[in-house]
Amino acid sequence: MHELPVTEQILKVVLDHARKAEAHRVVHVNLVIGDLTTFVDESIQFYFDFLSRGTEAEGATLHIRRIPARVRCHACGGEFAPDGVDWRCPHCGGLGGEVLAGRESYIESIEVE
């Protein structure tokens, strides 16, 4: 359910930019979302479709590009993609590390008419 406030903010930004550009219609919204956000693509699309009714963004297509998680091990400095809940470094066995990618959540571009 945490997708609802996020989608409200996405729509607000999209409409603000569309109106500044004097667009009549938003065609596509390109989003970048990291896997660690736990946002569900289908929920974002559902809320966007519901919230955008009667606006310039009604009927717009959302394109969501997912960014996989990437971590740098604190112990050895090696980079790896965590395997689900297993955040052990495959190089040295160290646990966890600095998150390098996977927390992204932003609008990459908006296509309007």
Protein backbone atom coordinates (compact mmCIF):
# COMPACT_ATOMS: atom_id res chain seq x y z
CA MET A 1 0.00 0.00 0.00
CA HIS A 2 3.01 2.30 0.27
CA GLU A 3 2.78 2.69 -3.52
CA LEU A 4 -0.23 5.03 -3.16
CA PRO A 5 1.63 8.08 -1.72
CA VAL A 6 4.55 7.45 -4.06
CA THR A 7 2.23 7.33 -7.06
CA GLU A 8 0.46 10.49 -5.89
CA GLN A 9 3.82 12.28 -5.95
CA ILE A 10 4.71 10.82 -9.36
CA LEU A 11 1.42 12.09 -10.78
CA LYS A 12 1.90 15.51 -9.19
CA VAL A 13 5.35 15.90 -10.75
CA VAL A 14 4.12 14.62 -14.13
CA LEU A 15 1.16 17.03 -14.18
CA ASP A 16 3.30 19.98 -13.03
CA HIS A 17 5.75 19.42 -15.88
CA ALA A 18 3.02 18.76 -18.43
CA ARG A 19 1.23 21.97 -17.51
CA LYS A 20 4.44 24.00 -17.62
CA ALA A 21 5.05 22.62 -21.11
CA GLU A 22 1.43 23.49 -22.01
CA ALA A 23 0.88 19.87 -23.03
CA HIS A 24 -2.60 18.64 -23.81
CA ARG A 25 -1.85 15.04 -22.97
CA VAL A 26 0.78 12.90 -21.26
CA VAL A 27 1.59 9.89 -23.43
CA HIS A 28 4.35 8.03 -21.55
CA VAL A 29 6.01 8.28 -18.17
CA ASN A 30 9.38 6.54 -17.85
CA LEU A 31 10.22 5.56 -14.29
CA VAL A 32 13.37 4.08 -12.77
CA ILE A 33 12.80 1.96 -9.66
CA GLY A 34 15.36 -0.01 -7.67
CA ASP A 35 14.58 -3.53 -6.56
CA LEU A 36 15.29 -2.65 -2.91
CA THR A 37 12.38 -0.19 -2.81
CA THR A 38 9.94 -3.13 -2.73
CA PHE A 39 7.55 -1.11 -4.92
CA VAL A 40 5.27 -3.34 -6.97
CA ASP A 41 5.02 -2.26 -10.61
CA GLU A 42 1.41 -3.39 -10.96
CA SER A 43 0.37 -1.40 -7.88
CA ILE A 44 2.00 1.76 -9.19
CA GLN A 45 0.23 1.28 -12.53
CA PHE A 46 -3.11 0.62 -10.78
CA TYR A 47 -2.88 3.74 -8.61
CA PHE A 48 -1.62 5.85 -11.52
CA ASP A 49 -4.57 4.78 -13.68
CA PHE A 50 -7.01 5.52 -10.86
CA LEU A 51 -5.51 8.85 -9.77
CA SER A 52 -4.96 10.22 -13.28
CA ARG A 53 -8.63 9.98 -14.32
CA GLY A 54 -9.82 13.31 -15.64
CA THR A 55 -6.29 14.76 -15.90
CA GLU A 56 -3.86 15.28 -18.77
CA ALA A 57 -2.20 12.02 -17.71
CA GLU A 58 -5.29 9.83 -18.09
CA GLY A 59 -4.42 6.88 -20.32
CA ALA A 60 -0.67 7.50 -20.14
CA THR A 61 1.54 4.44 -20.28
CA LEU A 62 4.03 3.85 -17.49
CA HIS A 63 7.35 2.28 -18.47
CA ILE A 64 9.21 1.03 -15.43
CA ARG A 65 12.90 0.21 -15.68
CA ARG A 66 14.11 -1.88 -12.75
CA ILE A 67 17.57 -1.44 -11.22
CA PRO A 68 18.90 -4.56 -9.49
CA ALA A 69 20.53 -4.36 -6.07
CA ARG A 70 24.31 -3.97 -6.02
CA VAL A 71 26.46 -3.98 -2.87
CA ARG A 72 30.14 -3.31 -2.06
CA CYS A 73 31.46 -5.57 0.70
CA HIS A 74 32.78 -3.76 3.79
CA ALA A 75 35.39 -6.44 4.38
CA CYS A 76 37.02 -6.95 0.96
CA GLY A 77 35.57 -4.18 -1.23
CA GLY A 78 34.21 -6.65 -3.76
CA GLU A 79 30.94 -5.79 -5.50
CA PHE A 80 28.09 -8.25 -5.71
CA ALA A 81 24.36 -8.63 -6.23
CA PRO A 82 22.70 -9.91 -3.05
CA ASP A 83 20.80 -13.14 -3.51
CA GLY A 84 17.40 -12.50 -1.95
CA VAL A 85 17.91 -12.26 1.81
CA ASP A 86 21.48 -13.61 1.60
CA TRP A 87 23.76 -10.56 1.76
CA ARG A 88 27.00 -12.52 2.28
CA CYS A 89 29.83 -11.52 -0.02
CA PRO A 90 30.54 -14.29 -2.53
CA HIS A 91 34.22 -13.24 -2.57
CA CYS A 92 35.09 -13.36 1.16
CA GLY A 93 31.93 -14.39 3.01
CA GLY A 94 31.62 -11.00 4.75
CA LEU A 95 28.10 -9.97 5.68
CA GLY A 96 26.45 -6.94 4.10
CA GLY A 97 28.03 -3.82 2.77
CA GLU A 98 27.42 -0.46 1.17
CA VAL A 99 24.40 -0.36 -1.14
CA LEU A 100 25.52 0.97 -4.53
CA ALA A 101 22.30 0.47 -6.48
CA GLY A 102 18.74 -0.68 -5.97
CA ARG A 103 17.21 2.19 -3.98
CA GLU A 104 16.43 4.38 -7.00
CA SER A 105 12.98 5.87 -7.45
CA TYR A 106 12.63 8.69 -9.96
CA ILE A 107 10.97 9.89 -13.13
CA GLU A 108 13.44 9.52 -15.98
CA SER A 109 11.34 11.26 -18.62
CA ILE A 110 7.83 12.30 -19.59
CA GLU A 111 6.48 12.23 -23.14
CA VAL A 112 3.67 14.65 -23.92
CA GLU A 113 1.60 15.90 -26.85
